[in-house]
């Protein structure tokens, strides 16, 4: 699990807010309680005010975040890919006109989670 102090994320407003930017869910090994253990270690070491994360709803349910007391705060909306030949590429608004006549694939988007640790 990797964390970052992001200053461009609209969901984070304070200097001591952090974002989970990477996880490692795809390995062939399962660690029971792994997310909560990593999160607890980070909280103990850095004492953040808030921790925010996205959960790719195309692949995951977000239950591990909910078990760690993170609160669901909304959706990003659907994500979009373009099928060009046999390749699936991410939507690029700058090249919209280039892909106008290709097949569009819609995804479920991401769920947004927040763990508020400092009482306001």
PDB file of N, CA and C in Angstrom:
ATOM      1  N   UNK A   1       0.857  -1.166   0.000  1.00  0.00           N
ATOM      2  CA  UNK A   1       0.000   0.000   0.000  1.00  0.00           C
ATOM      3  C   UNK A   1       0.904   1.230   0.000  1.00  0.00           C
ATOM      4  N   UNK A   2       0.632   2.155  -0.915  1.00  0.00           N
ATOM      5  CA  UNK A   2       1.397   3.397  -0.999  1.00  0.00           C
ATOM      6  C   UNK A   2       0.485   4.584  -0.743  1.00  0.00           C
ATOM      7  N   UNK A   3       1.030   5.598  -0.095  1.00  0.00           N
ATOM      8  CA  UNK A   3       0.274   6.795   0.269  1.00  0.00           C
ATOM      9  C   UNK A   3       0.946   8.023  -0.324  1.00  0.00           C
ATOM     10  N   UNK A   4       0.154   9.063  -0.539  1.00  0.00           N
ATOM     11  CA  UNK A   4       0.695  10.311  -1.059  1.00  0.00           C
ATOM     12  C   UNK A   4      -0.065  11.482  -0.464  1.00  0.00           C
ATOM     13  N   UNK A   5       0.655  12.559  -0.213  1.00  0.00           N
ATOM     14  CA  UNK A   5       0.014  13.820   0.151  1.00  0.00           C
ATOM     15  C   UNK A   5      -0.287  14.523  -1.163  1.00  0.00           C
ATOM     16  N   UNK A   6      -1.522  14.488  -1.590  1.00  0.00           N
ATOM     17  CA  UNK A   6      -1.863  15.117  -2.857  1.00  0.00           C
ATOM     18  C   UNK A   6      -2.499  16.475  -2.596  1.00  0.00           C
ATOM     19  N   UNK A   7      -2.126  17.418  -3.410  1.00  0.00           N
ATOM     20  CA  UNK A   7      -2.647  18.769  -3.254  1.00  0.00           C
ATOM     21  C   UNK A   7      -3.669  19.118  -4.344  1.00  0.00           C
ATOM     22  N   UNK A   8      -3.836  18.242  -5.325  1.00  0.00           N
ATOM     23  CA  UNK A   8      -4.769  18.498  -6.412  1.00  0.00           C
ATOM     24  C   UNK A   8      -6.081  17.737  -6.265  1.00  0.00           C
ATOM     25  N   UNK A   9      -6.181  16.842  -5.308  1.00  0.00           N
ATOM     26  CA  UNK A   9      -7.390  16.049  -5.106  1.00  0.00           C
ATOM     27  C   UNK A   9      -8.430  16.892  -4.374  1.00  0.00           C
ATOM     28  N   UNK A  10      -9.580  17.111  -5.010  1.00  0.00           N
ATOM     29  CA  UNK A  10     -10.642  17.938  -4.418  1.00  0.00           C
ATOM     30  C   UNK A  10     -11.241  17.336  -3.151  1.00  0.00           C
ATOM     31  N   UNK A  11     -11.026  16.047  -2.931  1.00  0.00           N
ATOM     32  CA  UNK A  11     -11.574  15.385  -1.750  1.00  0.00           C
ATOM     33  C   UNK A  11     -10.713  15.623  -0.509  1.00  0.00           C
ATOM     34  N   UNK A  12      -9.489  16.109  -0.702  1.00  0.00           N
ATOM     35  CA  UNK A  12      -8.560  16.347   0.401  1.00  0.00           C
ATOM     36  C   UNK A  12      -8.349  17.849   0.548  1.00  0.00           C
ATOM     37  N   UNK A  13      -8.550  18.360   1.744  1.00  0.00           N
ATOM     38  CA  UNK A  13      -8.522  19.801   1.930  1.00  0.00           C
ATOM     39  C   UNK A  13      -7.451  20.290   2.902  1.00  0.00           C
ATOM     40  N   UNK A  14      -6.901  19.425   3.726  1.00  0.00           N
ATOM     41  CA  UNK A  14      -5.963  19.837   4.766  1.00  0.00           C
ATOM     42  C   UNK A  14      -4.535  19.413   4.433  1.00  0.00           C
ATOM     43  N   UNK A  15      -3.581  20.026   5.095  1.00  0.00           N
ATOM     44  CA  UNK A  15      -2.170  19.704   4.876  1.00  0.00           C
ATOM     45  C   UNK A  15      -1.813  18.300   5.355  1.00  0.00           C
ATOM     46  N   UNK A  16      -2.587  17.767   6.293  1.00  0.00           N
ATOM     47  CA  UNK A  16      -2.279  16.449   6.840  1.00  0.00           C
ATOM     48  C   UNK A  16      -3.258  15.376   6.343  1.00  0.00           C
ATOM     49  N   UNK A  17      -3.795  15.571   5.138  1.00  0.00           N
ATOM     50  CA  UNK A  17      -4.654  14.579   4.497  1.00  0.00           C
ATOM     51  C   UNK A  17      -3.815  13.761   3.527  1.00  0.00           C
ATOM     52  N   UNK A  18      -4.084  12.477   3.462  1.00  0.00           N
ATOM     53  CA  UNK A  18      -3.320  11.559   2.627  1.00  0.00           C
ATOM     54  C   UNK A  18      -4.257  10.762   1.725  1.00  0.00           C
ATOM     55  N   UNK A  19      -3.707  10.264   0.630  1.00  0.00           N
ATOM     56  CA  UNK A  19      -4.463   9.430  -0.300  1.00  0.00           C
ATOM     57  C   UNK A  19      -3.744   8.103  -0.486  1.00  0.00           C
ATOM     58  N   UNK A  20      -4.507   7.019  -0.475  1.00  0.00           N
ATOM     59  CA  UNK A  20      -3.955   5.711  -0.828  1.00  0.00           C
ATOM     60  C   UNK A  20      -3.874   5.702  -2.349  1.00  0.00           C
ATOM     61  N   UNK A  21      -2.668   5.619  -2.882  1.00  0.00           N
ATOM     62  CA  UNK A  21      -2.516   5.703  -4.334  1.00  0.00           C
ATOM     63  C   UNK A  21      -2.233   4.351  -4.986  1.00  0.00           C
ATOM     64  N   UNK A  22      -1.795   3.367  -4.207  1.00  0.00           N
ATOM     65  CA  UNK A  22      -1.536   2.037  -4.755  1.00  0.00           C
ATOM     66  C   UNK A  22      -1.833   0.971  -3.715  1.00  0.00           C
ATOM     67  N   UNK A  23      -2.376  -0.129  -4.191  1.00  0.00           N
ATOM     68  CA  UNK A  23      -2.566  -1.304  -3.358  1.00  0.00           C
ATOM     69  C   UNK A  23      -1.948  -2.477  -4.095  1.00  0.00           C
ATOM     70  N   UNK A  24      -2.014  -3.646  -3.526  1.00  0.00           N
ATOM     71  CA  UNK A  24      -1.476  -4.839  -4.188  1.00  0.00           C
ATOM     72  C   UNK A  24      -2.485  -5.974  -4.064  1.00  0.00           C
ATOM     73  N   UNK A  25      -3.661  -5.806  -4.683  1.00  0.00           N
ATOM     74  CA  UNK A  25      -4.700  -6.816  -4.516  1.00  0.00           C
ATOM     75  C   UNK A  25      -4.597  -8.025  -5.425  1.00  0.00           C
ATOM     76  N   UNK A  26      -3.737  -7.986  -6.438  1.00  0.00           N
ATOM     77  CA  UNK A  26      -3.781  -9.021  -7.450  1.00  0.00           C
ATOM     78  C   UNK A  26      -2.829 -10.182  -7.283  1.00  0.00           C
ATOM     79  N   UNK A  27      -2.165 -10.298  -6.157  1.00  0.00           N
ATOM     80  CA  UNK A  27      -1.216 -11.396  -6.001  1.00  0.00           C
ATOM     81  C   UNK A  27      -1.952 -12.712  -5.730  1.00  0.00           C
ATOM     82  N   UNK A  28      -1.222 -13.793  -5.782  1.00  0.00           N
ATOM     83  CA  UNK A  28      -1.814 -15.109  -5.514  1.00  0.00           C
ATOM     84  C   UNK A  28      -1.809 -15.450  -4.034  1.00  0.00           C
ATOM     85  N   UNK A  29      -1.396 -14.506  -3.208  1.00  0.00           N
ATOM     86  CA  UNK A  29      -1.317 -14.717  -1.773  1.00  0.00           C
ATOM     87  C   UNK A  29      -2.366 -13.858  -1.080  1.00  0.00           C
ATOM     88  N   UNK A  30      -3.059 -14.409  -0.116  1.00  0.00           N
ATOM     89  CA  UNK A  30      -4.045 -13.659   0.650  1.00  0.00           C
ATOM     90  C   UNK A  30      -3.533 -13.453   2.062  1.00  0.00           C
ATOM     91  N   UNK A  31      -3.575 -12.209   2.520  1.00  0.00           N
ATOM     92  CA  UNK A  31      -3.215 -11.893   3.898  1.00  0.00           C
ATOM     93  C   UNK A  31      -4.499 -11.438   4.588  1.00  0.00           C
ATOM     94  N   UNK A  32      -5.010 -12.252   5.481  1.00  0.00           N
ATOM     95  CA  UNK A  32      -6.246 -11.915   6.174  1.00  0.00           C
ATOM     96  C   UNK A  32      -6.009 -10.681   7.040  1.00  0.00           C
ATOM     97  N   UNK A  33      -6.810  -9.653   6.816  1.00  0.00           N
ATOM     98  CA  UNK A  33      -6.663  -8.405   7.552  1.00  0.00           C
ATOM     99  C   UNK A  33      -5.504  -7.552   7.077  1.00  0.00           C
ATOM    100  N   UNK A  34      -4.970  -7.843   5.890  1.00  0.00           N
ATOM    101  CA  UNK A  34      -3.809  -7.126   5.380  1.00  0.00           C
ATOM    102  C   UNK A  34      -4.049  -5.635   5.193  1.00  0.00           C
ATOM    103  N   UNK A  35      -5.194  -5.267   4.636  1.00  0.00           N
ATOM    104  CA  UNK A  35      -5.495  -3.846   4.419  1.00  0.00           C
ATOM    105  C   UNK A  35      -5.561  -3.110   5.751  1.00  0.00           C
ATOM    106  N   UNK A  36      -6.246  -3.683   6.724  1.00  0.00           N
ATOM    107  CA  UNK A  36      -6.370  -3.008   8.019  1.00  0.00           C
ATOM    108  C   UNK A  36      -5.020  -2.926   8.732  1.00  0.00           C
ATOM    109  N   UNK A  37      -4.172  -3.939   8.587  1.00  0.00           N
ATOM    110  CA  UNK A  37      -2.853  -3.920   9.228  1.00  0.00           C
ATOM    111  C   UNK A  37      -1.968  -2.834   8.617  1.00  0.00           C
ATOM    112  N   UNK A  38      -1.977  -2.742   7.299  1.00  0.00           N
ATOM    113  CA  UNK A  38      -1.184  -1.706   6.630  1.00  0.00           C
ATOM    114  C   UNK A  38      -1.707  -0.309   6.962  1.00  0.00           C
ATOM    115  N   UNK A  39      -3.010  -0.162   6.980  1.00  0.00           N
ATOM    116  CA  UNK A  39      -3.615   1.128   7.298  1.00  0.00           C
ATOM    117  C   UNK A  39      -3.303   1.541   8.735  1.00  0.00           C
ATOM    118  N   UNK A  40      -3.399   0.611   9.664  1.00  0.00           N
ATOM    119  CA  UNK A  40      -3.103   0.912  11.071  1.00  0.00           C
ATOM    120  C   UNK A  40      -1.648   1.328  11.248  1.00  0.00           C
ATOM    121  N   UNK A  41      -0.749   0.632  10.581  1.00  0.00           N
ATOM    122  CA  UNK A  41       0.672   0.974  10.670  1.00  0.00           C
ATOM    123  C   UNK A  41       0.915   2.394  10.138  1.00  0.00           C
ATOM    124  N   UNK A  42       0.289   2.731   9.021  1.00  0.00           N
ATOM    125  CA  UNK A  42       0.445   4.076   8.459  1.00  0.00           C
ATOM    126  C   UNK A  42      -0.099   5.133   9.415  1.00  0.00           C
ATOM    127  N   UNK A  43      -1.270   4.877   9.983  1.00  0.00           N
ATOM    128  CA  UNK A  43      -1.887   5.826  10.924  1.00  0.00           C
ATOM    129  C   UNK A  43      -0.996   6.019  12.151  1.00  0.00           C
ATOM    130  N   UNK A  44      -0.445   4.937  12.684  1.00  0.00           N
ATOM    131  CA  UNK A  44       0.440   5.027  13.848  1.00  0.00           C
ATOM    132  C   UNK A  44       1.703   5.831  13.545  1.00  0.00           C
ATOM    133  N   UNK A  45       2.246   5.672  12.344  1.00  0.00           N
ATOM    134  CA  UNK A  45       3.500   6.352  11.990  1.00  0.00           C
ATOM    135  C   UNK A  45       3.317   7.811  11.569  1.00  0.00           C
ATOM    136  N   UNK A  46       2.206   8.135  10.889  1.00  0.00           N
ATOM    137  CA  UNK A  46       2.054   9.464  10.292  1.00  0.00           C
ATOM    138  C   UNK A  46       0.937  10.313  10.902  1.00  0.00           C
ATOM    139  N   UNK A  47       0.094   9.759  11.740  1.00  0.00           N
ATOM    140  CA  UNK A  47      -1.047  10.446  12.369  1.00  0.00           C
ATOM    141  C   UNK A  47      -1.778  11.408  11.418  1.00  0.00           C
ATOM    142  N   UNK A  48      -2.331  10.864  10.323  1.00  0.00           N
ATOM    143  CA  UNK A  48      -3.040  11.719   9.366  1.00  0.00           C
ATOM    144  C   UNK A  48      -4.382  12.199   9.924  1.00  0.00           C
ATOM    145  N   UNK A  49      -4.881  13.302   9.368  1.00  0.00           N
ATOM    146  CA  UNK A  49      -6.221  13.793   9.716  1.00  0.00           C
ATOM    147  C   UNK A  49      -7.286  12.996   8.961  1.00  0.00           C
ATOM    148  N   UNK A  50      -7.044  12.758   7.684  1.00  0.00           N
ATOM    149  CA  UNK A  50      -7.973  12.030   6.820  1.00  0.00           C
ATOM    150  C   UNK A  50      -7.183  11.168   5.851  1.00  0.00           C
ATOM    151  N   UNK A  51      -7.783  10.043   5.462  1.00  0.00           N
ATOM    152  CA  UNK A  51      -7.207   9.193   4.420  1.00  0.00           C
ATOM    153  C   UNK A  51      -8.303   8.957   3.389  1.00  0.00           C
ATOM    154  N   UNK A  52      -7.960   9.197   2.127  1.00  0.00           N
ATOM    155  CA  UNK A  52      -8.906   9.067   1.021  1.00  0.00           C
ATOM    156  C   UNK A  52      -8.412   7.983   0.073  1.00  0.00           C
ATOM    157  N   UNK A  53      -9.346   7.298  -0.598  1.00  0.00           N
ATOM    158  CA  UNK A  53      -8.946   6.340  -1.617  1.00  0.00           C
ATOM    159  C   UNK A  53     -10.065   6.126  -2.631  1.00  0.00           C
ATOM    160  N   UNK A  54      -9.646   5.775  -3.831  1.00  0.00           N
ATOM    161  CA  UNK A  54     -10.568   5.320  -4.867  1.00  0.00           C
ATOM    162  C   UNK A  54     -10.557   3.799  -4.875  1.00  0.00           C
ATOM    163  N   UNK A  55     -11.685   3.196  -5.205  1.00  0.00           N
ATOM    164  CA  UNK A  55     -11.784   1.747  -5.362  1.00  0.00           C
ATOM    165  C   UNK A  55     -12.342   1.483  -6.754  1.00  0.00           C
ATOM    166  N   UNK A  56     -11.577   0.808  -7.603  1.00  0.00           N
ATOM    167  CA  UNK A  56     -12.013   0.504  -8.964  1.00  0.00           C
ATOM    168  C   UNK A  56     -13.203  -0.456  -8.892  1.00  0.00           C
ATOM    169  N   UNK A  57     -14.393   0.068  -9.146  1.00  0.00           N
ATOM    170  CA  UNK A  57     -15.622  -0.708  -9.002  1.00  0.00           C
ATOM    171  C   UNK A  57     -15.781  -1.741 -10.117  1.00  0.00           C
ATOM    172  N   UNK A  58     -14.943  -1.662 -11.160  1.00  0.00           N
ATOM    173  CA  UNK A  58     -14.957  -2.690 -12.199  1.00  0.00           C
ATOM    174  C   UNK A  58     -14.372  -3.998 -11.677  1.00  0.00           C
ATOM    175  N   UNK A  59     -13.503  -3.900 -10.645  1.00  0.00           N
ATOM    176  CA  UNK A  59     -12.784  -5.080 -10.162  1.00  0.00           C
ATOM    177  C   UNK A  59     -13.035  -5.410  -8.700  1.00  0.00           C
ATOM    178  N   UNK A  60     -13.367  -4.404  -7.882  1.00  0.00           N
ATOM    179  CA  UNK A  60     -13.455  -4.598  -6.439  1.00  0.00           C
ATOM    180  C   UNK A  60     -14.748  -4.006  -5.879  1.00  0.00           C
ATOM    181  N   UNK A  61     -15.164  -4.488  -4.717  1.00  0.00           N
ATOM    182  CA  UNK A  61     -16.407  -4.018  -4.104  1.00  0.00           C
ATOM    183  C   UNK A  61     -16.197  -2.886  -3.108  1.00  0.00           C
ATOM    184  N   UNK A  62     -15.000  -2.767  -2.542  1.00  0.00           N
ATOM    185  CA  UNK A  62     -14.744  -1.769  -1.511  1.00  0.00           C
ATOM    186  C   UNK A  62     -14.980  -2.286  -0.106  1.00  0.00           C
ATOM    187  N   UNK A  63     -15.327  -3.562   0.028  1.00  0.00           N
ATOM    188  CA  UNK A  63     -15.618  -4.121   1.355  1.00  0.00           C
ATOM    189  C   UNK A  63     -14.426  -4.048   2.301  1.00  0.00           C
ATOM    190  N   UNK A  64     -13.207  -4.193   1.775  1.00  0.00           N
ATOM    191  CA  UNK A  64     -12.030  -4.126   2.657  1.00  0.00           C
ATOM    192  C   UNK A  64     -11.883  -2.728   3.249  1.00  0.00           C
ATOM    193  N   UNK A  65     -12.209  -1.688   2.483  1.00  0.00           N
ATOM    194  CA  UNK A  65     -12.182  -0.320   3.026  1.00  0.00           C
ATOM    195  C   UNK A  65     -13.273  -0.138   4.079  1.00  0.00           C
ATOM    196  N   UNK A  66     -14.447  -0.676   3.801  1.00  0.00           N
ATOM    197  CA  UNK A  66     -15.555  -0.548   4.747  1.00  0.00           C
ATOM    198  C   UNK A  66     -15.250  -1.263   6.061  1.00  0.00           C
ATOM    199  N   UNK A  67     -14.541  -2.386   5.996  1.00  0.00           N
ATOM    200  CA  UNK A  67     -14.143  -3.103   7.218  1.00  0.00           C
ATOM    201  C   UNK A  67     -13.134  -2.301   8.035  1.00  0.00           C
ATOM    202  N   UNK A  68     -12.450  -1.377   7.390  1.00  0.00           N
ATOM    203  CA  UNK A  68     -11.465  -0.507   8.079  1.00  0.00           C
ATOM    204  C   UNK A  68     -12.094   0.813   8.507  1.00  0.00           C
ATOM    205  N   UNK A  69     -13.414   0.873   8.530  1.00  0.00           N
ATOM    206  CA  UNK A  69     -14.179   2.057   8.941  1.00  0.00           C
ATOM    207  C   UNK A  69     -14.109   3.217   7.964  1.00  0.00           C
ATOM    208  N   UNK A  70     -13.665   2.973   6.745  1.00  0.00           N
ATOM    209  CA  UNK A  70     -13.702   4.031   5.736  1.00  0.00           C
ATOM    210  C   UNK A  70     -15.149   4.177   5.272  1.00  0.00           C
ATOM    211  N   UNK A  71     -15.564   5.398   5.033  1.00  0.00           N
ATOM    212  CA  UNK A  71     -16.941   5.685   4.631  1.00  0.00           C
ATOM    213  C   UNK A  71     -17.017   5.933   3.132  1.00  0.00           C
ATOM    214  N   UNK A  72     -17.990   5.300   2.502  1.00  0.00           N
ATOM    215  CA  UNK A  72     -18.265   5.543   1.091  1.00  0.00           C
ATOM    216  C   UNK A  72     -18.795   6.970   0.954  1.00  0.00           C
ATOM    217  N   UNK A  73     -18.169   7.784   0.091  1.00  0.00           N
ATOM    218  CA  UNK A  73     -18.606   9.176  -0.049  1.00  0.00           C
ATOM    219  C   UNK A  73     -19.095   9.517  -1.450  1.00  0.00           C
ATOM    220  N   UNK A  74     -19.078   8.555  -2.376  1.00  0.00           N
ATOM    221  CA  UNK A  74     -19.623   8.824  -3.704  1.00  0.00           C
ATOM    222  C   UNK A  74     -18.935   8.034  -4.800  1.00  0.00           C
ATOM    223  N   UNK A  75     -19.434   8.255  -6.015  1.00  0.00           N
ATOM    224  CA  UNK A  75     -18.891   7.614  -7.208  1.00  0.00           C
ATOM    225  C   UNK A  75     -18.191   8.647  -8.079  1.00  0.00           C
ATOM    226  N   UNK A  76     -17.269   8.189  -8.905  1.00  0.00           N
ATOM    227  CA  UNK A  76     -16.643   9.080  -9.886  1.00  0.00           C
ATOM    228  C   UNK A  76     -17.502   9.197 -11.134  1.00  0.00           C
ATOM    229  N   UNK A  77     -18.420   8.276 -11.302  1.00  0.00           N
ATOM    230  CA  UNK A  77     -19.162   8.186 -12.550  1.00  0.00           C
ATOM    231  C   UNK A  77     -18.511   7.125 -13.414  1.00  0.00           C
ATOM    232  N   UNK A  78     -19.161   6.755 -14.508  1.00  0.00           N
ATOM    233  CA  UNK A  78     -18.631   5.672 -15.338  1.00  0.00           C
ATOM    234  C   UNK A  78     -17.325   6.072 -16.021  1.00  0.00           C
ATOM    235  N   UNK A  79     -16.467   5.072 -16.250  1.00  0.00           N
ATOM    236  CA  UNK A  79     -15.273   5.336 -17.042  1.00  0.00           C
ATOM    237  C   UNK A  79     -15.499   4.817 -18.451  1.00  0.00           C
ATOM    238  N   UNK A  80     -14.673   5.288 -19.371  1.00  0.00           N
ATOM    239  CA  UNK A  80     -14.917   5.026 -20.777  1.00  0.00           C
ATOM    240  C   UNK A  80     -13.632   4.589 -21.459  1.00  0.00           C
ATOM    241  N   UNK A  81     -13.725   3.545 -22.280  1.00  0.00           N
ATOM    242  CA  UNK A  81     -12.622   3.100 -23.110  1.00  0.00           C
ATOM    243  C   UNK A  81     -13.100   3.078 -24.555  1.00  0.00           C
ATOM    244  N   UNK A  82     -12.154   3.098 -25.478  1.00  0.00           N
ATOM    245  CA  UNK A  82     -12.464   3.049 -26.908  1.00  0.00           C
ATOM    246  C   UNK A  82     -11.820   1.784 -27.473  1.00  0.00           C
ATOM    247  N   UNK A  83     -12.569   1.039 -28.287  1.00  0.00           N
ATOM    248  CA  UNK A  83     -12.051  -0.153 -28.942  1.00  0.00           C
ATOM    249  C   UNK A  83     -11.573   0.248 -30.332  1.00  0.00           C
ATOM    250  N   UNK A  84     -10.253   0.184 -30.535  1.00  0.00           N
ATOM    251  CA  UNK A  84      -9.635   0.530 -31.817  1.00  0.00           C
ATOM    252  C   UNK A  84      -8.973  -0.738 -32.343  1.00  0.00           C
ATOM    253  N   UNK A  85      -9.565  -1.340 -33.357  1.00  0.00           N
ATOM    254  CA  UNK A  85      -9.076  -2.626 -33.852  1.00  0.00           C
ATOM    255  C   UNK A  85      -9.239  -3.664 -32.753  1.00  0.00           C
ATOM    256  N   UNK A  86      -8.145  -4.266 -32.334  1.00  0.00           N
ATOM    257  CA  UNK A  86      -8.175  -5.231 -31.233  1.00  0.00           C
ATOM    258  C   UNK A  86      -7.651  -4.636 -29.934  1.00  0.00           C
ATOM    259  N   UNK A  87      -7.377  -3.339 -29.930  1.00  0.00           N
ATOM    260  CA  UNK A  87      -6.844  -2.673 -28.743  1.00  0.00           C
ATOM    261  C   UNK A  87      -7.927  -1.894 -28.017  1.00  0.00           C
ATOM    262  N   UNK A  88      -7.881  -1.965 -26.692  1.00  0.00           N
ATOM    263  CA  UNK A  88      -8.754  -1.145 -25.853  1.00  0.00           C
ATOM    264  C   UNK A  88      -7.882  -0.034 -25.275  1.00  0.00           C
ATOM    265  N   UNK A  89      -8.258   1.205 -25.537  1.00  0.00           N
ATOM    266  CA  UNK A  89      -7.461   2.332 -25.055  1.00  0.00           C
ATOM    267  C   UNK A  89      -8.308   3.216 -24.151  1.00  0.00           C
ATOM    268  N   UNK A  90      -7.634   3.895 -23.219  1.00  0.00           N
ATOM    269  CA  UNK A  90      -8.341   4.823 -22.340  1.00  0.00           C
ATOM    270  C   UNK A  90      -8.856   6.009 -23.133  1.00  0.00           C
ATOM    271  N   UNK A  91      -9.959   6.526 -22.684  1.00  0.00           N
ATOM    272  CA  UNK A  91     -10.534   7.716 -23.311  1.00  0.00           C
ATOM    273  C   UNK A  91      -9.548   8.867 -23.136  1.00  0.00           C
ATOM    274  N   UNK A  92      -9.330   9.610 -24.205  1.00  0.00           N
ATOM    275  CA  UNK A  92      -8.475  10.786 -24.157  1.00  0.00           C
ATOM    276  C   UNK A  92      -9.259  11.947 -24.750  1.00  0.00           C
ATOM    277  N   UNK A  93      -9.733  12.887 -23.910  1.00  0.00           N
ATOM    278  CA  UNK A  93     -10.561  13.983 -24.423  1.00  0.00           C
ATOM    279  C   UNK A  93      -9.889  14.785 -25.531  1.00  0.00           C
ATOM    280  N   UNK A  94      -8.562  14.858 -25.521  1.00  0.00           N
ATOM    281  CA  UNK A  94      -7.859  15.630 -26.554  1.00  0.00           C
ATOM    282  C   UNK A  94      -7.960  14.964 -27.923  1.00  0.00           C
ATOM    283  N   UNK A  95      -8.161  13.644 -27.950  1.00  0.00           N
ATOM    284  CA  UNK A  95      -8.241  12.909 -29.216  1.00  0.00           C
ATOM    285  C   UNK A  95      -9.671  12.433 -29.500  1.00  0.00           C
ATOM    286  N   UNK A  96     -10.651  13.088 -28.914  1.00  0.00           N
ATOM    287  CA  UNK A  96     -12.042  12.666 -29.058  1.00  0.00           C
ATOM    288  C   UNK A  96     -12.453  12.533 -30.523  1.00  0.00           C
ATOM    289  N   UNK A  97     -12.107  13.514 -31.339  1.00  0.00           N
ATOM    290  CA  UNK A  97     -12.516  13.485 -32.753  1.00  0.00           C
ATOM    291  C   UNK A  97     -11.892  12.314 -33.500  1.00  0.00           C
ATOM    292  N   UNK A  98     -10.666  11.915 -33.113  1.00  0.00           N
ATOM    293  CA  UNK A  98      -9.997  10.784 -33.767  1.00  0.00           C
ATOM    294  C   UNK A  98     -10.738   9.473 -33.530  1.00  0.00           C
ATOM    295  N   UNK A  99     -11.413   9.359 -32.385  1.00  0.00           N
ATOM    296  CA  UNK A  99     -12.061   8.108 -31.990  1.00  0.00           C
ATOM    297  C   UNK A  99     -13.583   8.148 -32.102  1.00  0.00           C
ATOM    298  N   UNK A 100     -14.106   9.155 -32.746  1.00  0.00           N
ATOM    299  CA  UNK A 100     -15.559   9.354 -32.803  1.00  0.00           C
ATOM    300  C   UNK A 100     -16.297   8.182 -33.452  1.00  0.00           C
ATOM    301  N   UNK A 101     -15.692   7.504 -34.396  1.00  0.00           N
ATOM    302  CA  UNK A 101     -16.368   6.435 -35.127  1.00  0.00           C
ATOM    303  C   UNK A 101     -16.020   5.035 -34.640  1.00  0.00           C
ATOM    304  N   UNK A 102     -15.407   4.939 -33.466  1.00  0.00           N
ATOM    305  CA  UNK A 102     -15.045   3.649 -32.910  1.00  0.00           C
ATOM    306  C   UNK A 102     -16.031   3.243 -31.828  1.00  0.00           C
ATOM    307  N   UNK A 103     -15.966   1.970 -31.439  1.00  0.00           N
ATOM    308  CA  UNK A 103     -16.869   1.417 -30.433  1.00  0.00           C
ATOM    309  C   UNK A 103     -16.454   1.887 -29.038  1.00  0.00           C
ATOM    310  N   UNK A 104     -17.422   2.300 -28.235  1.00  0.00           N
ATOM    311  CA  UNK A 104     -17.175   2.770 -26.871  1.00  0.00           C
ATOM    312  C   UNK A 104     -17.547   1.685 -25.867  1.00  0.00           C
ATOM    313  N   UNK A 105     -16.678   1.487 -24.876  1.00  0.00           N
ATOM    314  CA  UNK A 105     -16.929   0.528 -23.794  1.00  0.00           C
ATOM    315  C   UNK A 105     -17.044   1.330 -22.497  1.00  0.00           C
ATOM    316  N   UNK A 106     -18.134   1.134 -21.778  1.00  0.00           N
ATOM    317  CA  UNK A 106     -18.338   1.850 -20.513  1.00  0.00           C
ATOM    318  C   UNK A 106     -18.047   0.928 -19.338  1.00  0.00           C
ATOM    319  N   UNK A 107     -17.411   1.475 -18.316  1.00  0.00           N
ATOM    320  CA  UNK A 107     -17.117   0.734 -17.104  1.00  0.00           C
ATOM    321  C   UNK A 107     -17.899   1.293 -15.932  1.00  0.00           C
ATOM    322  N   UNK A 108     -17.800   0.637 -14.809  1.00  0.00           N
ATOM    323  CA  UNK A 108     -18.558   1.020 -13.613  1.00  0.00           C
ATOM    324  C   UNK A 108     -17.972   2.237 -12.902  1.00  0.00           C
ATOM    325  N   UNK A 109     -16.748   2.632 -13.222  1.00  0.00           N
ATOM    326  CA  UNK A 109     -16.129   3.767 -12.546  1.00  0.00           C
ATOM    327  C   UNK A 109     -15.505   3.352 -11.219  1.00  0.00           C
ATOM    328  N   UNK A 110     -15.316   4.345 -10.366  1.00  0.00           N
ATOM    329  CA  UNK A 110     -14.689   4.093  -9.075  1.00  0.00           C
ATOM    330  C   UNK A 110     -15.569   4.587  -7.942  1.00  0.00           C
ATOM    331  N   UNK A 111     -15.434   3.913  -6.808  1.00  0.00           N
ATOM    332  CA  UNK A 111     -16.084   4.359  -5.581  1.00  0.00           C
ATOM    333  C   UNK A 111     -15.071   5.184  -4.802  1.00  0.00           C
ATOM    334  N   UNK A 112     -15.536   6.189  -4.075  1.00  0.00           N
ATOM    335  CA  UNK A 112     -14.641   7.036  -3.287  1.00  0.00           C
ATOM    336  C   UNK A 112     -14.878   6.763  -1.806  1.00  0.00           C
ATOM    337  N   UNK A 113     -13.764   6.608  -1.062  1.00  0.00           N
ATOM    338  CA  UNK A 113     -13.837   6.319   0.366  1.00  0.00           C
ATOM    339  C   UNK A 113     -12.996   7.314   1.155  1.00  0.00           C
ATOM    340  N   UNK A 114     -13.476   7.651   2.357  1.00  0.00           N
ATOM    341  CA  UNK A 114     -12.763   8.572   3.229  1.00  0.00           C
ATOM    342  C   UNK A 114     -12.767   8.028   4.653  1.00  0.00           C
ATOM    343  N   UNK A 115     -11.600   8.079   5.267  1.00  0.00           N
ATOM    344  CA  UNK A 115     -11.468   7.739   6.689  1.00  0.00           C
ATOM    345  C   UNK A 115     -11.104   9.030   7.415  1.00  0.00           C
ATOM    346  N   UNK A 116     -12.064   9.575   8.154  1.00  0.00           N
ATOM    347  CA  UNK A 116     -11.851  10.811   8.908  1.00  0.00           C
ATOM    348  C   UNK A 116     -11.331  10.446  10.291  1.00  0.00           C
ATOM    349  N   UNK A 117     -10.110  10.876  10.585  1.00  0.00           N
ATOM    350  CA  UNK A 117      -9.472  10.503  11.839  1.00  0.00           C
ATOM    351  C   UNK A 117      -9.420  11.650  12.835  1.00  0.00           C
ATOM    352  N   UNK A 118      -9.511  12.871  12.359  1.00  0.00           N
ATOM    353  CA  UNK A 118      -9.450  14.045  13.238  1.00  0.00           C
ATOM    354  C   UNK A 118     -10.839  14.654  13.329  1.00  0.00           C
ATOM    355  N   UNK A 119     -11.306  14.836  14.538  1.00  0.00           N
ATOM    356  CA  UNK A 119     -12.633  15.429  14.721  1.00  0.00           C
ATOM    357  C   UNK A 119     -12.541  16.921  14.516  1.00  0.00           C
ATOM    358  N   UNK A 120     -13.490  17.458  13.755  1.00  0.00           N
ATOM    359  CA  UNK A 120     -13.490  18.887  13.441  1.00  0.00           C
ATOM    360  C   UNK A 120     -14.276  19.663  14.464  1.00  0.00           C
TER     361      UNK A 120
END
